[in-house]
């Protein structure tokens, strides 16, 4: 059984984490395959939005601990540098929108993979757990960077140290995720958001991601200059020209992601 399912429909690259019997925990094979699929999404012009979800009851429970204790396994000295860091780096650097559709529990690295995505949507029954401290570890996969920027230093510290289980409703309320939906409407609503993004000006969305990423390491003055540079790039795209024409002609734009 493939650990990662992948298909392209209507401009959306659908990625499904597919080890449901292990709550979609990552082992080495799955992590390396995920990197390959993300690379394909980044370079394939047919993909204008990426949609990541999990099979079965969970989104992702993080690292498969059976691999950690396996004497023939990759070991903790390789799991981050070769598995999770490349995954979250690909997601954050990809100049296309990435949607996390959290269908169930997202724990440990699974939570932080979801939270590094551009738009995080959850089912009402989903939950988020920074599960690291319970086994004597620290949050990884970008969690110490991402979570405090989403919900603030005090909340992030408490959740990381105490390992509280956060419901989808709580996550939305504290700004950890964009929205949650009922179990009955979750899949339909999540896919609708991805399809909307896939029909938008892809290059502009990618430049929005780049501008946001730069903002964490630049001063306000520098960011004004960065915005100017990015805006010139956006203004040179075919989609910008189409957007202006559509506005002037009072019609819906037909963006091509170019």
Protein backbone atom coordinates (compact mmCIF):
# COMPACT_ATOMS: atom_id res chain seq x y z
CA UNK A 1 0.00 0.00 0.00
CA UNK A 2 1.37 3.40 -0.99
CA UNK A 3 2.18 5.50 2.08
CA UNK A 4 1.45 8.68 0.11
CA UNK A 5 -1.48 8.94 -2.30
CA UNK A 6 -1.27 11.66 -4.94
CA UNK A 7 -3.57 12.88 -7.69
CA UNK A 8 -4.16 16.09 -9.62
CA UNK A 9 -7.71 17.31 -10.18
CA UNK A 10 -8.79 20.73 -11.35
CA UNK A 11 -5.44 22.35 -10.63
CA UNK A 12 -5.21 20.91 -7.11
CA UNK A 13 -2.52 18.42 -6.13
CA UNK A 14 -4.20 16.15 -3.58
CA UNK A 15 -1.76 14.53 -1.15
CA UNK A 16 -3.10 11.94 1.31
CA UNK A 17 -0.93 10.60 4.13
CA UNK A 18 -1.80 6.91 3.92
CA UNK A 19 -0.73 4.80 6.88
CA UNK A 20 -4.11 4.80 8.63
CA UNK A 21 -3.28 1.78 10.81
CA UNK A 22 -0.39 3.84 12.27
CA UNK A 23 -2.43 7.08 12.44
CA UNK A 24 -0.38 8.21 9.43
CA UNK A 25 2.86 8.31 11.42
CA UNK A 26 5.92 8.91 9.24
CA UNK A 27 8.62 6.36 8.67
CA UNK A 28 11.60 6.92 6.40
CA UNK A 29 9.98 5.57 3.25
CA UNK A 30 6.93 7.79 3.74
CA UNK A 31 9.00 10.90 4.50
CA UNK A 32 11.18 10.49 1.41
CA UNK A 33 8.13 9.82 -0.76
CA UNK A 34 6.45 12.95 0.63
CA UNK A 35 9.46 15.00 -0.42
CA UNK A 36 9.27 13.58 -3.95
CA UNK A 37 5.59 14.44 -4.24
CA UNK A 38 6.13 17.97 -2.94
CA UNK A 39 8.91 18.46 -5.49
CA UNK A 40 6.52 17.33 -8.21
CA UNK A 41 3.90 19.79 -7.00
CA UNK A 42 6.41 22.64 -6.98
CA UNK A 43 7.53 22.09 -10.58
CA UNK A 44 4.34 20.81 -12.23
CA UNK A 45 2.44 23.68 -13.87
CA UNK A 46 -0.76 21.61 -13.67
CA UNK A 47 -0.64 21.98 -9.87
CA UNK A 48 -1.73 25.45 -8.73
CA UNK A 49 -2.64 24.55 -5.15
CA UNK A 50 -1.56 21.68 -2.87
CA UNK A 51 -4.01 19.94 -0.53
CA UNK A 52 -2.68 17.73 2.28
CA UNK A 53 -4.91 15.48 4.38
CA UNK A 54 -4.81 12.11 6.13
CA UNK A 55 -6.46 8.75 5.52
CA UNK A 56 -8.66 7.24 8.20
CA UNK A 57 -9.16 8.76 11.63
CA UNK A 58 -5.97 10.82 11.90
CA UNK A 59 -4.22 13.57 10.01
CA UNK A 60 -0.76 12.57 11.24
CA UNK A 61 0.59 11.39 14.59
CA UNK A 62 4.15 12.48 13.81
CA UNK A 63 7.10 10.13 13.80
CA UNK A 64 6.62 6.36 13.94
CA UNK A 65 8.36 5.60 17.24
CA UNK A 66 8.91 1.97 16.23
CA UNK A 67 11.46 3.29 13.75
CA UNK A 68 13.14 5.40 16.44
CA UNK A 69 13.85 2.41 18.70
CA UNK A 70 14.81 0.15 15.79
CA UNK A 71 18.62 -0.34 15.97
CA UNK A 72 18.66 -0.49 12.16
CA UNK A 73 16.53 2.63 11.81
CA UNK A 74 17.72 6.08 10.77
CA UNK A 75 18.11 7.37 14.36
CA UNK A 76 17.18 10.77 15.74
CA UNK A 77 20.36 12.25 14.30
CA UNK A 78 18.91 11.75 10.79
CA UNK A 79 15.14 11.89 11.25
CA UNK A 80 14.93 15.67 11.46
CA UNK A 81 17.63 16.57 8.94
CA UNK A 82 16.56 13.99 6.36
CA UNK A 83 12.82 13.56 7.00
CA UNK A 84 10.89 16.41 8.59
CA UNK A 85 13.04 19.48 7.97
CA UNK A 86 13.04 18.88 4.19
CA UNK A 87 9.25 18.40 4.24
CA UNK A 88 8.39 21.63 6.07
CA UNK A 89 11.03 23.54 4.10
CA UNK A 90 9.46 22.42 0.83
CA UNK A 91 5.99 23.44 2.02
CA UNK A 92 7.01 26.89 3.21
CA UNK A 93 9.24 27.67 0.23
CA UNK A 94 6.88 26.42 -2.46
CA UNK A 95 5.59 29.40 -4.44
CA UNK A 96 2.08 27.94 -4.50
CA UNK A 97 -0.58 27.85 -1.77
CA UNK A 98 -0.61 24.76 0.44
CA UNK A 99 -3.78 23.81 2.33
CA UNK A 100 -3.74 21.45 5.32
CA UNK A 101 -7.09 19.70 5.74
CA UNK A 102 -6.81 18.28 9.25
CA UNK A 103 -9.34 15.47 9.38
CA UNK A 104 -8.36 14.04 12.78
CA UNK A 105 -5.61 14.18 15.38
CA UNK A 106 -2.47 16.10 14.39
CA UNK A 107 0.21 15.35 16.96
CA UNK A 108 3.90 16.05 17.29
CA UNK A 109 5.56 16.60 13.93
CA UNK A 110 2.16 15.96 12.34
CA UNK A 111 0.76 19.05 14.05
CA UNK A 112 3.70 21.19 12.98
CA UNK A 113 3.58 20.00 9.38
CA UNK A 114 -0.05 21.10 9.31
CA UNK A 115 0.68 24.45 10.97
CA UNK A 116 3.44 25.35 8.50
CA UNK A 117 0.92 25.18 5.65
CA UNK A 118 -0.53 28.42 4.31
CA UNK A 119 -4.15 27.76 5.21
CA UNK A 120 -5.11 25.22 7.87
CA UNK A 121 -8.67 23.88 7.94
CA UNK A 122 -9.91 21.30 10.44
CA UNK A 123 -12.85 19.03 10.99
CA UNK A 124 -14.75 19.75 14.19
CA UNK A 125 -13.53 16.41 15.56
CA UNK A 126 -9.84 17.16 14.85
CA UNK A 127 -7.31 18.02 17.54
CA UNK A 128 -3.78 19.40 17.81
CA UNK A 129 -1.20 18.17 20.32
CA UNK A 130 2.39 19.28 20.86
CA UNK A 131 3.14 15.78 22.14
CA UNK A 132 6.91 16.07 22.43
CA UNK A 133 7.41 16.81 26.14
CA UNK A 134 5.51 13.63 27.11
CA UNK A 135 8.43 11.57 25.79
CA UNK A 136 11.23 13.97 26.72
CA UNK A 137 11.65 15.79 23.43
CA UNK A 138 11.26 19.35 22.17
CA UNK A 139 8.89 20.49 19.40
CA UNK A 140 10.46 20.13 15.97
CA UNK A 141 9.45 20.43 12.31
CA UNK A 142 9.45 24.20 12.71
CA UNK A 143 7.08 24.20 15.68
CA UNK A 144 9.19 26.49 17.87
CA UNK A 145 9.18 29.03 15.02
CA UNK A 146 5.63 28.69 13.72
CA UNK A 147 3.43 28.24 16.79
CA UNK A 148 4.46 31.36 18.77
CA UNK A 149 3.96 33.46 15.65
CA UNK A 150 0.46 32.08 15.26
CA UNK A 151 -0.82 32.26 18.85
CA UNK A 152 1.73 34.25 20.86
CA UNK A 153 4.68 33.38 23.05
CA UNK A 154 2.82 32.60 26.29
CA UNK A 155 0.23 30.27 24.73
CA UNK A 156 2.81 28.49 22.62
CA UNK A 157 5.12 27.92 25.57
CA UNK A 158 2.32 26.45 27.67
CA UNK A 159 1.07 24.17 24.91
CA UNK A 160 4.58 22.92 24.20
CA UNK A 161 5.47 22.29 27.84
CA UNK A 162 2.12 20.91 29.02
CA UNK A 163 1.19 19.05 25.84
CA UNK A 164 -2.47 20.07 26.05
CA UNK A 165 -4.89 18.62 23.52
CA UNK A 166 -6.45 21.52 21.59
CA UNK A 167 -9.80 21.05 19.85
CA UNK A 168 -10.51 22.46 16.42
CA UNK A 169 -12.81 25.08 17.94
CA UNK A 170 -10.11 26.17 20.41
CA UNK A 171 -7.51 26.22 17.62
CA UNK A 172 -9.68 28.52 15.51
CA UNK A 173 -10.42 30.78 18.47
CA UNK A 174 -6.74 31.30 19.32
CA UNK A 175 -5.72 31.87 15.69
CA UNK A 176 -3.86 28.58 15.28
CA UNK A 177 -5.96 27.63 12.23
CA UNK A 178 -8.11 29.45 9.70
CA UNK A 179 -11.44 27.65 10.16
CA UNK A 180 -13.08 24.45 11.29
CA UNK A 181 -16.15 22.77 9.85
CA UNK A 182 -18.55 20.08 10.98
CA UNK A 183 -17.58 16.52 10.15
CA UNK A 184 -20.39 16.38 7.60
CA UNK A 185 -19.26 19.45 5.64
CA UNK A 186 -15.51 19.37 6.27
CA UNK A 187 -14.33 17.59 3.11
CA UNK A 188 -16.58 19.61 0.82
CA UNK A 189 -15.62 22.95 2.39
CA UNK A 190 -11.90 22.17 2.52
CA UNK A 191 -11.77 21.11 -1.11
CA UNK A 192 -13.79 24.17 -2.14
CA UNK A 193 -11.12 26.42 -0.60
CA UNK A 194 -8.36 24.53 -2.42
CA UNK A 195 -10.21 24.75 -5.74
CA UNK A 196 -10.76 28.48 -5.24
CA UNK A 197 -7.04 28.98 -4.65
CA UNK A 198 -6.22 26.89 -7.73
CA UNK A 199 -8.31 29.26 -9.84
CA UNK A 200 -6.59 32.37 -8.52
CA UNK A 201 -3.40 34.09 -9.81
CA UNK A 202 -0.87 31.48 -8.67
CA UNK A 203 2.26 33.59 -9.03
CA UNK A 204 0.77 36.38 -6.90
CA UNK A 205 -0.13 33.86 -4.19
CA UNK A 206 3.42 32.54 -4.26
CA UNK A 207 4.79 36.07 -3.92
CA UNK A 208 2.47 36.65 -0.94
CA UNK A 209 4.09 33.62 0.72
CA UNK A 210 7.54 34.98 -0.05
CA UNK A 211 6.72 38.41 1.33
CA UNK A 212 5.32 36.94 4.53
CA UNK A 213 8.41 34.78 4.99
CA UNK A 214 10.72 37.73 4.48
CA UNK A 215 8.80 39.80 7.03
CA UNK A 216 10.09 37.68 9.92
CA UNK A 217 13.72 38.64 9.25
CA UNK A 218 13.48 42.19 7.91
CA UNK A 219 12.80 45.61 9.37
CA UNK A 220 9.70 47.59 8.38
CA UNK A 221 11.79 49.80 6.09
CA UNK A 222 13.38 46.77 4.45
CA UNK A 223 10.00 45.15 4.05
CA UNK A 224 8.62 48.18 2.22
CA UNK A 225 11.49 47.77 -0.24
CA UNK A 226 10.81 44.02 -0.47
CA UNK A 227 7.13 44.68 -1.18
CA UNK A 228 8.11 47.03 -3.99
CA UNK A 229 10.29 44.34 -5.58
CA UNK A 230 7.64 41.65 -5.21
CA UNK A 231 4.93 43.96 -6.55
CA UNK A 232 6.94 44.61 -9.70
CA UNK A 233 7.23 40.86 -10.21
CA UNK A 234 3.48 40.44 -9.69
CA UNK A 235 2.72 43.30 -12.07
CA UNK A 236 4.73 41.61 -14.83
CA UNK A 237 2.57 38.47 -14.85
CA UNK A 238 -0.06 37.59 -17.41
CA UNK A 239 -2.58 37.07 -14.60
CA UNK A 240 -2.18 40.69 -13.46
CA UNK A 241 -2.91 41.88 -16.96
CA UNK A 242 -5.95 39.58 -17.12
CA UNK A 243 -7.15 40.79 -13.71
CA UNK A 244 -7.02 44.42 -14.80
CA UNK A 245 -8.77 43.68 -18.11
CA UNK A 246 -11.50 41.73 -16.31
CA UNK A 247 -12.00 44.56 -13.82
CA UNK A 248 -12.30 47.14 -16.58
CA UNK A 249 -14.65 44.91 -18.58
CA UNK A 250 -16.73 44.07 -15.50
CA UNK A 251 -16.34 40.30 -15.88
CA UNK A 252 -14.88 37.41 -13.92
CA UNK A 253 -11.14 37.00 -14.57
CA UNK A 254 -9.82 33.81 -16.15
CA UNK A 255 -6.48 33.32 -14.41
CA UNK A 256 -4.01 30.82 -15.87
CA UNK A 257 -1.38 30.81 -13.14
CA UNK A 258 1.07 32.59 -15.44
